[in-house]
Amino acid sequence: MLKIVEGILKGDRRSLSRAISIIDNEEGKYQEIISQIFKNTGRAMTIGLTGPGGAGKSSLIGKLIDEFKRFNYKIAIIAVDPTSPLTGGAILGDRVRMQANLMDKSEVFMRSIASRGAVGGISRSLRNIIRILDAAGYNLIIVESVGTGQLEIEVSKVVNLTLVVFTPNTGDKVQAVKAGITEIGDIYIVNKADLEGANTLYNTIKDLIGDTVRKPIILKCSAKTGTGTREVAEMISKMLTERVESIRKKDYELLEIELKDMVLNILRDKILIMLNDNPAYHNLIDKIQKKKMDPFQAAEELTSNLLNDSFHNYKEHNKT
C-alpha cells in the first residue's frame, strides 16, 4: 500500500491535500491511489449547491455546517472555481470567501479546485476527489459549483442531492428558473429571504416547478440572519436518509456516465496519438487544402482506416 494511501485512510490532512493535488493534476500514481482506496469508498453522501453568481451559496454553506453537526456528519467542502486562462488554477478563491464562517470549524475540510474549463464548471477529477474524502471518513461532502452567472447543471451529475439557490436580486430570475434547471434540482432555495421580492420569487418558482412530476422541495432562508437554515439542513438530512433506494439508482447512473466518459477520454487520447503518427492523416489534409476532397469525405475515410487498423491489431494481439 502506498504511504499516501495509508495517510488518507487515517484521515491525515497533509496526505489528503497532497492526494487531491495529485488526482486533480493527474500526476504520477494517481490511478494507483484510486485503485487502493476504492474498496473504502461508497459510504459518503454528497450534495451539490448550484445557482447564479451572487446567490450566496458560500455563505449558506457556512451556516448549514453548524446545523449538519447535529446529525453527526463529518463534513468536507469542495468549491469548484473558474479557471485562470493563464495558470489553469482556481481564481475565485471560495476558500477565502468562506473563511469567516469556517474559522471556528477546524474539523471541516475545505478545498478549492479549478474547473479546468470542463462543462458546467465541474472538473474531470471531481468524482475521484470525492472518493478520496470518502475514504478518509468524511460522510457528507458538499460541492459548490462555480457561480459565474450561468446555472451549473453539470453538478447534478456527480452528487446524490442537488440544491439550486436563488436570491431575489438575481436578474432575469423567471428565465433562470425556466432555463433547464427544472429538471435537476431536488431542493430549490430562495436565499436572502429577508430582502424585498423573496415571497414573489418563492411563488414564481412554486408556480413553475412545484407541480411537476418530480415535485421538488421549495424553501426560503437567509444565510445572513440564519432564519430558515435549520429547516434547510433538516430537509437535506431527511431526504438523504429516506431516498436510499433512489440514491443507489442514481449512483449506478453516475457510474455509467463516469465509465463512458473515461472510455471516451482514453479513446480520444489514443486516437490523437494514432492520427499524429499516421501519414494518411497529413495526406488527407493536403487533399482538403487542394480541394481534391471535402472534410466530410476525409473524416469518413480516416475513421474507417483507423477502425480497420485497430480491429486488425486486436486480432493479431489475440493470436499471440
C-alpha atoms as a PDB file:
ATOM      1  CA  MET A   1       0.000   0.000   0.000  1.00  0.00           C
ATOM      2  CA  LEU A   2       1.272   3.465  -0.890  1.00  0.00           C
ATOM      3  CA  LYS A   3       2.277   5.612   2.060  1.00  0.00           C
ATOM      4  CA  ILE A   4      -0.027   8.394   0.919  1.00  0.00           C
ATOM      5  CA  VAL A   5      -2.948   5.937   0.887  1.00  0.00           C
ATOM      6  CA  GLU A   6      -2.168   4.952   4.481  1.00  0.00           C
ATOM      7  CA  GLY A   7      -2.365   8.632   5.369  1.00  0.00           C
ATOM      8  CA  ILE A   8      -5.688   9.061   3.555  1.00  0.00           C
ATOM      9  CA  LEU A   9      -7.258   6.116   5.382  1.00  0.00           C
ATOM     10  CA  LYS A  10      -6.098   7.605   8.692  1.00  0.00           C
ATOM     11  CA  GLY A  11      -7.645  10.960   7.777  1.00  0.00           C
ATOM     12  CA  ASP A  12      -4.284  12.742   7.735  1.00  0.00           C
ATOM     13  CA  ARG A  13      -4.920  16.208   6.268  1.00  0.00           C
ATOM     14  CA  ARG A  14      -1.498  16.600   4.727  1.00  0.00           C
ATOM     15  CA  SER A  15      -1.913  13.295   2.884  1.00  0.00           C
ATOM     16  CA  LEU A  16      -5.405  14.351   1.832  1.00  0.00           C
ATOM     17  CA  SER A  17      -4.231  17.672   0.427  1.00  0.00           C
ATOM     18  CA  ARG A  18      -1.356  16.061  -1.433  1.00  0.00           C
ATOM     19  CA  ALA A  19      -3.576  13.284  -2.814  1.00  0.00           C
ATOM     20  CA  ILE A  20      -6.174  15.780  -4.057  1.00  0.00           C
ATOM     21  CA  SER A  21      -3.460  17.731  -5.872  1.00  0.00           C
ATOM     22  CA  ILE A  22      -2.150  14.522  -7.466  1.00  0.00           C
ATOM     23  CA  ILE A  23      -5.653  13.474  -8.531  1.00  0.00           C
ATOM     24  CA  ASP A  24      -6.614  16.945  -9.755  1.00  0.00           C
ATOM     25  CA  ASN A  25      -3.471  17.225 -11.880  1.00  0.00           C
ATOM     26  CA  GLU A  26      -3.451  13.541 -12.868  1.00  0.00           C
ATOM     27  CA  GLU A  27       0.142  13.226 -11.717  1.00  0.00           C
ATOM     28  CA  GLY A  28       2.270  10.144 -11.194  1.00  0.00           C
ATOM     29  CA  LYS A  29       0.459   7.350  -9.393  1.00  0.00           C
ATOM     30  CA  TYR A  30      -2.987   8.956  -9.317  1.00  0.00           C
ATOM     31  CA  GLN A  31      -4.675   5.849 -10.750  1.00  0.00           C
ATOM     32  CA  GLU A  32      -2.923   3.603  -8.225  1.00  0.00           C
ATOM     33  CA  ILE A  33      -4.124   5.825  -5.375  1.00  0.00           C
ATOM     34  CA  ILE A  34      -7.736   5.462  -6.514  1.00  0.00           C
ATOM     35  CA  SER A  35      -7.315   1.710  -7.004  1.00  0.00           C
ATOM     36  CA  GLN A  36      -6.006   1.250  -3.466  1.00  0.00           C
ATOM     37  CA  ILE A  37      -8.693   3.355  -1.728  1.00  0.00           C
ATOM     38  CA  PHE A  38     -11.619   2.269  -3.923  1.00  0.00           C
ATOM     39  CA  LYS A  39     -12.875  -0.514  -1.632  1.00  0.00           C
ATOM     40  CA  ASN A  40     -13.085   2.037   1.195  1.00  0.00           C
ATOM     41  CA  THR A  41     -15.463   4.296  -0.713  1.00  0.00           C
ATOM     42  CA  GLY A  42     -19.216   4.411  -1.243  1.00  0.00           C
ATOM     43  CA  ARG A  43     -20.284   5.454   2.257  1.00  0.00           C
ATOM     44  CA  ALA A  44     -20.362   9.231   1.939  1.00  0.00           C
ATOM     45  CA  MET A  45     -23.415  11.233   0.955  1.00  0.00           C
ATOM     46  CA  THR A  46     -22.875  14.114  -1.448  1.00  0.00           C
ATOM     47  CA  ILE A  47     -24.843  17.296  -2.002  1.00  0.00           C
ATOM     48  CA  GLY A  48     -24.269  19.980  -4.592  1.00  0.00           C
ATOM     49  CA  LEU A  49     -25.125  23.659  -4.443  1.00  0.00           C
ATOM     50  CA  THR A  50     -25.554  25.475  -7.700  1.00  0.00           C
ATOM     51  CA  GLY A  51     -27.224  28.631  -8.917  1.00  0.00           C
ATOM     52  CA  PRO A  52     -26.490  32.102 -10.263  1.00  0.00           C
ATOM     53  CA  GLY A  53     -23.455  34.060  -9.118  1.00  0.00           C
ATOM     54  CA  GLY A  54     -24.262  36.200  -6.110  1.00  0.00           C
ATOM     55  CA  ALA A  55     -26.924  33.827  -4.788  1.00  0.00           C
ATOM     56  CA  GLY A  56     -24.967  33.436  -1.539  1.00  0.00           C
ATOM     57  CA  LYS A  57     -24.065  29.759  -1.888  1.00  0.00           C
ATOM     58  CA  SER A  58     -20.810  30.062   0.067  1.00  0.00           C
ATOM     59  CA  SER A  59     -22.483  31.956   2.911  1.00  0.00           C
ATOM     60  CA  LEU A  60     -25.306  29.426   3.031  1.00  0.00           C
ATOM     61  CA  ILE A  61     -22.854  26.522   3.262  1.00  0.00           C
ATOM     62  CA  GLY A  62     -21.145  28.246   6.184  1.00  0.00           C
ATOM     63  CA  LYS A  63     -24.451  28.483   8.061  1.00  0.00           C
ATOM     64  CA  LEU A  64     -25.542  24.943   7.221  1.00  0.00           C
ATOM     65  CA  ILE A  65     -22.374  23.416   8.668  1.00  0.00           C
ATOM     66  CA  ASP A  66     -23.411  24.173  12.250  1.00  0.00           C
ATOM     67  CA  GLU A  67     -26.801  22.587  11.597  1.00  0.00           C
ATOM     68  CA  PHE A  68     -25.299  19.479   9.995  1.00  0.00           C
ATOM     69  CA  LYS A  69     -23.179  18.859  13.107  1.00  0.00           C
ATOM     70  CA  ARG A  70     -26.360  17.901  14.950  1.00  0.00           C
ATOM     71  CA  PHE A  71     -26.673  14.908  12.624  1.00  0.00           C
ATOM     72  CA  ASN A  72     -23.102  13.745  13.371  1.00  0.00           C
ATOM     73  CA  TYR A  73     -21.830  14.446   9.891  1.00  0.00           C
ATOM     74  CA  LYS A  74     -18.121  14.749   9.276  1.00  0.00           C
ATOM     75  CA  ILE A  75     -18.043  17.414   6.591  1.00  0.00           C
ATOM     76  CA  ALA A  76     -15.793  18.192   3.645  1.00  0.00           C
ATOM     77  CA  ILE A  77     -16.335  21.000   1.139  1.00  0.00           C
ATOM     78  CA  ILE A  78     -15.150  21.164  -2.452  1.00  0.00           C
ATOM     79  CA  ALA A  79     -15.506  24.579  -4.064  1.00  0.00           C
ATOM     80  CA  VAL A  80     -15.141  24.450  -7.840  1.00  0.00           C
ATOM     81  CA  ASP A  81     -13.773  27.789  -9.064  1.00  0.00           C
ATOM     82  CA  PRO A  82     -13.411  29.129 -12.597  1.00  0.00           C
ATOM     83  CA  THR A  83     -10.055  28.511 -14.209  1.00  0.00           C
ATOM     84  CA  SER A  84      -7.482  31.201 -14.815  1.00  0.00           C
ATOM     85  CA  PRO A  85      -6.739  31.299 -18.558  1.00  0.00           C
ATOM     86  CA  LEU A  86      -3.058  31.903 -17.742  1.00  0.00           C
ATOM     87  CA  THR A  87      -2.294  29.463 -14.948  1.00  0.00           C
ATOM     88  CA  GLY A  88      -5.087  26.903 -15.165  1.00  0.00           C
ATOM     89  CA  GLY A  89      -5.654  27.434 -11.428  1.00  0.00           C
ATOM     90  CA  ALA A  90      -8.705  28.499  -9.457  1.00  0.00           C
ATOM     91  CA  ILE A  91      -9.260  32.265  -9.460  1.00  0.00           C
ATOM     92  CA  LEU A  92     -12.318  32.971  -7.308  1.00  0.00           C
ATOM     93  CA  GLY A  93     -10.937  31.645  -4.055  1.00  0.00           C
ATOM     94  CA  ASP A  94     -14.054  30.258  -2.372  1.00  0.00           C
ATOM     95  CA  ARG A  95     -11.766  29.276   0.478  1.00  0.00           C
ATOM     96  CA  VAL A  96     -11.277  32.995   1.167  1.00  0.00           C
ATOM     97  CA  ARG A  97     -14.980  33.737   0.854  1.00  0.00           C
ATOM     98  CA  MET A  98     -15.889  31.051   3.373  1.00  0.00           C
ATOM     99  CA  GLN A  99     -13.013  31.734   5.738  1.00  0.00           C
ATOM    100  CA  ALA A 100     -15.040  33.811   8.198  1.00  0.00           C
ATOM    101  CA  ASN A 101     -17.648  31.082   8.510  1.00  0.00           C
ATOM    102  CA  LEU A 102     -15.082  28.293   8.915  1.00  0.00           C
ATOM    103  CA  MET A 103     -12.586  29.913  11.303  1.00  0.00           C
ATOM    104  CA  ASP A 104     -14.026  28.046  14.316  1.00  0.00           C
ATOM    105  CA  LYS A 105     -14.738  24.856  12.351  1.00  0.00           C
ATOM    106  CA  SER A 106     -11.298  23.267  12.153  1.00  0.00           C
ATOM    107  CA  GLU A 107     -12.826  19.796  11.795  1.00  0.00           C
ATOM    108  CA  VAL A 108     -14.288  20.756   8.402  1.00  0.00           C
ATOM    109  CA  PHE A 109     -12.022  20.028   5.438  1.00  0.00           C
ATOM    110  CA  MET A 110     -12.156  22.677   2.706  1.00  0.00           C
ATOM    111  CA  ARG A 111     -10.572  22.623  -0.717  1.00  0.00           C
ATOM    112  CA  SER A 112     -10.924  24.750  -3.856  1.00  0.00           C
ATOM    113  CA  ILE A 113     -10.254  23.210  -7.232  1.00  0.00           C
ATOM    114  CA  ALA A 114     -10.238  24.688 -10.722  1.00  0.00           C
ATOM    115  CA  SER A 115     -12.914  23.837 -13.246  1.00  0.00           C
ATOM    116  CA  ARG A 116     -10.264  23.395 -15.984  1.00  0.00           C
ATOM    117  CA  GLY A 117     -12.869  24.563 -18.482  1.00  0.00           C
ATOM    118  CA  ALA A 118     -14.993  21.448 -18.018  1.00  0.00           C
ATOM    119  CA  VAL A 119     -18.646  21.692 -18.985  1.00  0.00           C
ATOM    120  CA  GLY A 120     -20.659  23.169 -16.134  1.00  0.00           C
ATOM    121  CA  GLY A 121     -17.562  24.124 -14.192  1.00  0.00           C
ATOM    122  CA  ILE A 122     -17.080  20.592 -12.847  1.00  0.00           C
ATOM    123  CA  SER A 123     -13.544  19.319 -13.244  1.00  0.00           C
ATOM    124  CA  ARG A 124     -12.903  15.869 -14.690  1.00  0.00           C
ATOM    125  CA  SER A 125     -11.220  14.829 -11.451  1.00  0.00           C
ATOM    126  CA  LEU A 126     -14.086  15.768  -9.110  1.00  0.00           C
ATOM    127  CA  ARG A 127     -15.519  12.271  -8.760  1.00  0.00           C
ATOM    128  CA  ASN A 128     -12.151  10.889  -7.671  1.00  0.00           C
ATOM    129  CA  ILE A 129     -11.585  13.754  -5.221  1.00  0.00           C
ATOM    130  CA  ILE A 130     -14.931  12.839  -3.647  1.00  0.00           C
ATOM    131  CA  ARG A 131     -13.672   9.247  -3.348  1.00  0.00           C
ATOM    132  CA  ILE A 132     -10.508  10.417  -1.585  1.00  0.00           C
ATOM    133  CA  LEU A 133     -12.561  12.337   1.001  1.00  0.00           C
ATOM    134  CA  ASP A 134     -14.980   9.410   1.348  1.00  0.00           C
ATOM    135  CA  ALA A 135     -12.120   7.010   2.090  1.00  0.00           C
ATOM    136  CA  ALA A 136     -10.767   9.472   4.674  1.00  0.00           C
ATOM    137  CA  GLY A 137     -14.001   9.185   6.661  1.00  0.00           C
ATOM    138  CA  TYR A 138     -15.945  12.273   5.569  1.00  0.00           C
ATOM    139  CA  ASN A 139     -19.559  11.159   5.353  1.00  0.00           C
ATOM    140  CA  LEU A 140     -21.062  14.384   3.996  1.00  0.00           C
ATOM    141  CA  ILE A 141     -19.310  16.017   1.071  1.00  0.00           C
ATOM    142  CA  ILE A 142     -20.595  19.365  -0.192  1.00  0.00           C
ATOM    143  CA  VAL A 143     -19.777  20.528  -3.709  1.00  0.00           C
ATOM    144  CA  GLU A 144     -20.277  24.179  -4.585  1.00  0.00           C
ATOM    145  CA  SER A 145     -20.163  24.804  -8.317  1.00  0.00           C
ATOM    146  CA  VAL A 146     -18.689  27.933  -9.788  1.00  0.00           C
ATOM    147  CA  GLY A 147     -21.071  30.864  -9.824  1.00  0.00           C
ATOM    148  CA  THR A 148     -20.254  32.798 -12.964  1.00  0.00           C
ATOM    149  CA  GLY A 149     -23.761  33.885 -13.917  1.00  0.00           C
ATOM    150  CA  GLN A 150     -24.901  30.652 -15.560  1.00  0.00           C
ATOM    151  CA  LEU A 151     -26.599  27.727 -13.865  1.00  0.00           C
ATOM    152  CA  GLU A 152     -24.232  24.844 -13.399  1.00  0.00           C
ATOM    153  CA  ILE A 153     -26.396  21.906 -14.441  1.00  0.00           C
ATOM    154  CA  GLU A 154     -23.422  19.530 -14.525  1.00  0.00           C
ATOM    155  CA  VAL A 155     -23.147  19.493 -10.715  1.00  0.00           C
ATOM    156  CA  SER A 156     -26.213  17.245 -10.573  1.00  0.00           C
ATOM    157  CA  LYS A 157     -24.258  14.517 -12.398  1.00  0.00           C
ATOM    158  CA  VAL A 158     -21.809  13.924  -9.546  1.00  0.00           C
ATOM    159  CA  VAL A 159     -23.877  14.300  -6.365  1.00  0.00           C
ATOM    160  CA  ASN A 160     -26.704  12.480  -4.609  1.00  0.00           C
ATOM    161  CA  LEU A 161     -28.782  15.583  -3.964  1.00  0.00           C
ATOM    162  CA  THR A 162     -28.840  18.889  -5.855  1.00  0.00           C
ATOM    163  CA  LEU A 163     -29.747  22.235  -4.298  1.00  0.00           C
ATOM    164  CA  VAL A 164     -30.428  25.194  -6.566  1.00  0.00           C
ATOM    165  CA  VAL A 165     -30.033  28.538  -4.811  1.00  0.00           C
ATOM    166  CA  PHE A 166     -31.680  31.779  -5.930  1.00  0.00           C
ATOM    167  CA  THR A 167     -31.846  35.258  -4.475  1.00  0.00           C
ATOM    168  CA  PRO A 168     -34.486  37.977  -5.014  1.00  0.00           C
ATOM    169  CA  ASN A 169     -31.986  40.377  -6.590  1.00  0.00           C
ATOM    170  CA  THR A 170     -30.902  37.893  -9.273  1.00  0.00           C
ATOM    171  CA  GLY A 171     -31.668  39.373 -12.673  1.00  0.00           C
ATOM    172  CA  ASP A 172     -33.921  37.541 -15.122  1.00  0.00           C
ATOM    173  CA  LYS A 173     -34.985  35.192 -12.348  1.00  0.00           C
ATOM    174  CA  VAL A 174     -38.007  33.755 -14.138  1.00  0.00           C
ATOM    175  CA  GLN A 175     -35.928  32.955 -17.234  1.00  0.00           C
ATOM    176  CA  ALA A 176     -33.253  31.434 -14.997  1.00  0.00           C
ATOM    177  CA  VAL A 177     -35.799  29.116 -13.408  1.00  0.00           C
ATOM    178  CA  LYS A 178     -37.011  28.025 -16.827  1.00  0.00           C
ATOM    179  CA  ALA A 179     -33.534  27.536 -18.330  1.00  0.00           C
ATOM    180  CA  GLY A 180     -33.174  23.807 -17.838  1.00  0.00           C
ATOM    181  CA  ILE A 181     -32.873  23.660 -14.057  1.00  0.00           C
ATOM    182  CA  THR A 182     -36.450  22.487 -13.608  1.00  0.00           C
ATOM    183  CA  GLU A 183     -35.054  19.004 -14.217  1.00  0.00           C
ATOM    184  CA  ILE A 184     -32.045  18.985 -11.889  1.00  0.00           C
ATOM    185  CA  GLY A 185     -32.991  20.417  -8.510  1.00  0.00           C
ATOM    186  CA  ASP A 186     -34.114  18.240  -5.608  1.00  0.00           C
ATOM    187  CA  ILE A 187     -34.437  21.311  -3.395  1.00  0.00           C
ATOM    188  CA  TYR A 188     -34.879  24.901  -4.568  1.00  0.00           C
ATOM    189  CA  ILE A 189     -33.869  27.571  -2.082  1.00  0.00           C
ATOM    190  CA  VAL A 190     -34.720  31.252  -2.075  1.00  0.00           C
ATOM    191  CA  ASN A 191     -31.785  32.692  -0.122  1.00  0.00           C
ATOM    192  CA  LYS A 192     -31.715  36.240   1.271  1.00  0.00           C
ATOM    193  CA  ALA A 193     -35.374  35.779   2.193  1.00  0.00           C
ATOM    194  CA  ASP A 194     -35.132  38.963   4.299  1.00  0.00           C
ATOM    195  CA  LEU A 195     -34.945  41.023   1.099  1.00  0.00           C
ATOM    196  CA  GLU A 196     -37.874  42.522  -0.764  1.00  0.00           C
ATOM    197  CA  GLY A 197     -39.134  40.291  -3.521  1.00  0.00           C
ATOM    198  CA  ALA A 198     -38.345  36.987  -1.775  1.00  0.00           C
ATOM    199  CA  ASN A 199     -42.002  35.956  -1.500  1.00  0.00           C
ATOM    200  CA  THR A 200     -42.616  36.838  -5.148  1.00  0.00           C
ATOM    201  CA  LEU A 201     -39.655  34.721  -6.257  1.00  0.00           C
ATOM    202  CA  TYR A 202     -40.754  31.852  -3.993  1.00  0.00           C
ATOM    203  CA  ASN A 203     -44.245  31.883  -5.519  1.00  0.00           C
ATOM    204  CA  THR A 204     -42.798  32.118  -9.056  1.00  0.00           C
ATOM    205  CA  ILE A 205     -40.662  29.020  -8.525  1.00  0.00           C
ATOM    206  CA  LYS A 206     -43.573  27.204  -6.913  1.00  0.00           C
ATOM    207  CA  ASP A 207     -45.863  28.014  -9.842  1.00  0.00           C
ATOM    208  CA  LEU A 208     -43.288  26.947 -12.422  1.00  0.00           C
ATOM    209  CA  ILE A 209     -41.968  23.712 -10.945  1.00  0.00           C
ATOM    210  CA  GLY A 210     -43.844  22.941  -7.740  1.00  0.00           C
ATOM    211  CA  ASP A 211     -46.389  20.742  -9.504  1.00  0.00           C
ATOM    212  CA  THR A 212     -44.026  18.947 -11.859  1.00  0.00           C
ATOM    213  CA  VAL A 213     -43.781  15.147 -11.745  1.00  0.00           C
ATOM    214  CA  ARG A 214     -40.686  15.209  -9.527  1.00  0.00           C
ATOM    215  CA  LYS A 215     -42.303  17.595  -7.009  1.00  0.00           C
ATOM    216  CA  PRO A 216     -39.098  19.236  -5.735  1.00  0.00           C
ATOM    217  CA  ILE A 217     -38.946  20.898  -2.333  1.00  0.00           C
ATOM    218  CA  ILE A 218     -39.003  24.714  -2.313  1.00  0.00           C
ATOM    219  CA  LEU A 219     -37.716  26.564   0.771  1.00  0.00           C
ATOM    220  CA  LYS A 220     -36.838  30.082   1.910  1.00  0.00           C
ATOM    221  CA  CYS A 221     -33.974  31.073   4.198  1.00  0.00           C
ATOM    222  CA  SER A 222     -31.494  33.809   4.970  1.00  0.00           C
ATOM    223  CA  ALA A 223     -27.838  32.894   5.328  1.00  0.00           C
ATOM    224  CA  LYS A 224     -27.236  36.382   6.721  1.00  0.00           C
ATOM    225  CA  THR A 225     -29.659  36.116   9.646  1.00  0.00           C
ATOM    226  CA  GLY A 226     -29.743  32.319   9.929  1.00  0.00           C
ATOM    227  CA  THR A 227     -33.521  32.257   9.518  1.00  0.00           C
ATOM    228  CA  GLY A 228     -34.680  29.026   7.904  1.00  0.00           C
ATOM    229  CA  THR A 229     -31.223  27.433   7.661  1.00  0.00           C
ATOM    230  CA  ARG A 230     -32.128  24.776  10.252  1.00  0.00           C
ATOM    231  CA  GLU A 231     -35.172  23.781   8.196  1.00  0.00           C
ATOM    232  CA  VAL A 232     -32.990  23.519   5.081  1.00  0.00           C
ATOM    233  CA  ALA A 233     -30.444  21.298   6.880  1.00  0.00           C
ATOM    234  CA  GLU A 234     -33.190  19.092   8.317  1.00  0.00           C
ATOM    235  CA  MET A 235     -34.798  18.646   4.904  1.00  0.00           C
ATOM    236  CA  ILE A 236     -31.446  17.719   3.329  1.00  0.00           C
ATOM    237  CA  SER A 237     -30.730  15.144   6.041  1.00  0.00           C
ATOM    238  CA  LYS A 238     -34.256  13.735   5.789  1.00  0.00           C
ATOM    239  CA  MET A 239     -34.043  13.338   2.019  1.00  0.00           C
ATOM    240  CA  LEU A 240     -30.608  11.693   2.189  1.00  0.00           C
ATOM    241  CA  THR A 241     -31.975   9.224   4.753  1.00  0.00           C
ATOM    242  CA  GLU A 242     -35.294   8.478   3.094  1.00  0.00           C
ATOM    243  CA  ARG A 243     -34.128   8.275  -0.517  1.00  0.00           C
ATOM    244  CA  VAL A 244     -31.653   5.420  -0.100  1.00  0.00           C
ATOM    245  CA  GLU A 245     -33.089   3.416  -2.992  1.00  0.00           C
ATOM    246  CA  SER A 246     -33.268   6.348  -5.412  1.00  0.00           C
ATOM    247  CA  ILE A 247     -29.750   7.414  -4.382  1.00  0.00           C
ATOM    248  CA  ARG A 248     -28.490   3.882  -5.115  1.00  0.00           C
ATOM    249  CA  LYS A 249     -30.155   4.028  -8.523  1.00  0.00           C
ATOM    250  CA  LYS A 250     -28.636   7.435  -9.229  1.00  0.00           C
ATOM    251  CA  ASP A 251     -25.227   6.133  -8.104  1.00  0.00           C
ATOM    252  CA  TYR A 252     -25.498   3.416 -10.764  1.00  0.00           C
ATOM    253  CA  GLU A 253     -26.340   6.086 -13.342  1.00  0.00           C
ATOM    254  CA  LEU A 254     -23.385   8.208 -12.195  1.00  0.00           C
ATOM    255  CA  LEU A 255     -21.022   5.243 -12.550  1.00  0.00           C
ATOM    256  CA  GLU A 256     -22.441   4.566 -16.012  1.00  0.00           C
ATOM    257  CA  ILE A 257     -21.759   8.180 -17.050  1.00  0.00           C
ATOM    258  CA  GLU A 258     -18.297   8.109 -15.480  1.00  0.00           C
ATOM    259  CA  LEU A 259     -17.239   4.872 -17.180  1.00  0.00           C
ATOM    260  CA  LYS A 260     -18.498   6.131 -20.535  1.00  0.00           C
ATOM    261  CA  ASP A 261     -16.604   9.408 -20.062  1.00  0.00           C
ATOM    262  CA  MET A 262     -13.425   7.542 -19.116  1.00  0.00           C
ATOM    263  CA  VAL A 263     -13.616   5.236 -22.136  1.00  0.00           C
ATOM    264  CA  LEU A 264     -14.229   8.177 -24.480  1.00  0.00           C
ATOM    265  CA  ASN A 265     -11.328  10.124 -22.943  1.00  0.00           C
ATOM    266  CA  ILE A 266      -8.979   7.137 -23.305  1.00  0.00           C
ATOM    267  CA  LEU A 267     -10.106   6.611 -26.898  1.00  0.00           C
ATOM    268  CA  ARG A 268      -9.658  10.310 -27.653  1.00  0.00           C
ATOM    269  CA  ASP A 269      -6.092  10.316 -26.316  1.00  0.00           C
ATOM    270  CA  LYS A 270      -5.185   7.140 -28.209  1.00  0.00           C
ATOM    271  CA  ILE A 271      -6.772   8.385 -31.440  1.00  0.00           C
ATOM    272  CA  LEU A 272      -4.841  11.666 -31.249  1.00  0.00           C
ATOM    273  CA  ILE A 273      -1.593   9.700 -30.970  1.00  0.00           C
ATOM    274  CA  MET A 274      -2.629   7.471 -33.872  1.00  0.00           C
ATOM    275  CA  LEU A 275      -3.510  10.498 -36.015  1.00  0.00           C
ATOM    276  CA  ASN A 276      -0.220  12.260 -35.378  1.00  0.00           C
ATOM    277  CA  ASP A 277       1.690   9.096 -36.285  1.00  0.00           C
ATOM    278  CA  ASN A 278      -0.401   8.331 -39.377  1.00  0.00           C
ATOM    279  CA  PRO A 279       0.943   9.605 -42.748  1.00  0.00           C
ATOM    280  CA  ALA A 280      -2.550   9.240 -44.257  1.00  0.00           C
ATOM    281  CA  TYR A 281      -3.803  11.930 -41.861  1.00  0.00           C
ATOM    282  CA  HIS A 282      -1.418  14.529 -43.282  1.00  0.00           C
ATOM    283  CA  ASN A 283      -2.028  13.343 -46.862  1.00  0.00           C
ATOM    284  CA  LEU A 284      -5.740  13.897 -46.400  1.00  0.00           C
ATOM    285  CA  ILE A 285      -5.135  17.394 -45.054  1.00  0.00           C
ATOM    286  CA  ASP A 286      -3.163  18.156 -48.236  1.00  0.00           C
ATOM    287  CA  LYS A 287      -6.064  16.827 -50.344  1.00  0.00           C
ATOM    288  CA  ILE A 288      -8.555  19.018 -48.467  1.00  0.00           C
ATOM    289  CA  GLN A 289      -6.337  22.069 -48.918  1.00  0.00           C
ATOM    290  CA  LYS A 290      -6.052  21.365 -52.674  1.00  0.00           C
ATOM    291  CA  LYS A 291      -9.856  20.878 -52.874  1.00  0.00           C
ATOM    292  CA  LYS A 292      -9.436  17.274 -54.048  1.00  0.00           C
ATOM    293  CA  MET A 293     -11.596  16.080 -51.163  1.00  0.00           C
ATOM    294  CA  ASP A 294     -14.040  17.734 -48.772  1.00  0.00           C
ATOM    295  CA  PRO A 295     -13.558  17.473 -44.956  1.00  0.00           C
ATOM    296  CA  PHE A 296     -16.520  15.094 -44.515  1.00  0.00           C
ATOM    297  CA  GLN A 297     -15.134  12.588 -47.006  1.00  0.00           C
ATOM    298  CA  ALA A 298     -11.688  12.824 -45.425  1.00  0.00           C
ATOM    299  CA  ALA A 299     -13.051  12.289 -41.926  1.00  0.00           C
ATOM    300  CA  GLU A 300     -15.081   9.243 -43.016  1.00  0.00           C
ATOM    301  CA  GLU A 301     -12.118   7.700 -44.835  1.00  0.00           C
ATOM    302  CA  LEU A 302      -9.705   8.302 -41.968  1.00  0.00           C
ATOM    303  CA  THR A 303     -12.143   6.985 -39.349  1.00  0.00           C
ATOM    304  CA  SER A 304     -12.734   3.843 -41.393  1.00  0.00           C
ATOM    305  CA  ASN A 305      -8.978   3.280 -41.764  1.00  0.00           C
ATOM    306  CA  LEU A 306      -8.344   3.799 -38.047  1.00  0.00           C
ATOM    307  CA  LEU A 307     -11.119   1.373 -37.071  1.00  0.00           C
ATOM    308  CA  ASN A 308      -9.868  -1.255 -39.538  1.00  0.00           C
ATOM    309  CA  ASP A 309      -6.280  -0.886 -38.251  1.00  0.00           C
ATOM    310  CA  SER A 310      -7.446  -1.168 -34.652  1.00  0.00           C
ATOM    311  CA  PHE A 311      -9.511  -4.294 -35.418  1.00  0.00           C
ATOM    312  CA  HIS A 312      -6.559  -5.863 -37.258  1.00  0.00           C
ATOM    313  CA  ASN A 313      -4.196  -5.123 -34.352  1.00  0.00           C
ATOM    314  CA  TYR A 314      -6.747  -6.562 -31.912  1.00  0.00           C
ATOM    315  CA  LYS A 315      -6.947  -9.853 -33.852  1.00  0.00           C
ATOM    316  CA  GLU A 316      -3.156 -10.060 -34.125  1.00  0.00           C
ATOM    317  CA  HIS A 317      -2.818  -9.470 -30.400  1.00  0.00           C
ATOM    318  CA  ASN A 318      -5.292 -12.266 -29.586  1.00  0.00           C
ATOM    319  CA  LYS A 319      -3.349 -14.736 -31.758  1.00  0.00           C
ATOM    320  CA  THR A 320      -0.231 -14.451 -29.578  1.00  0.00           C
END
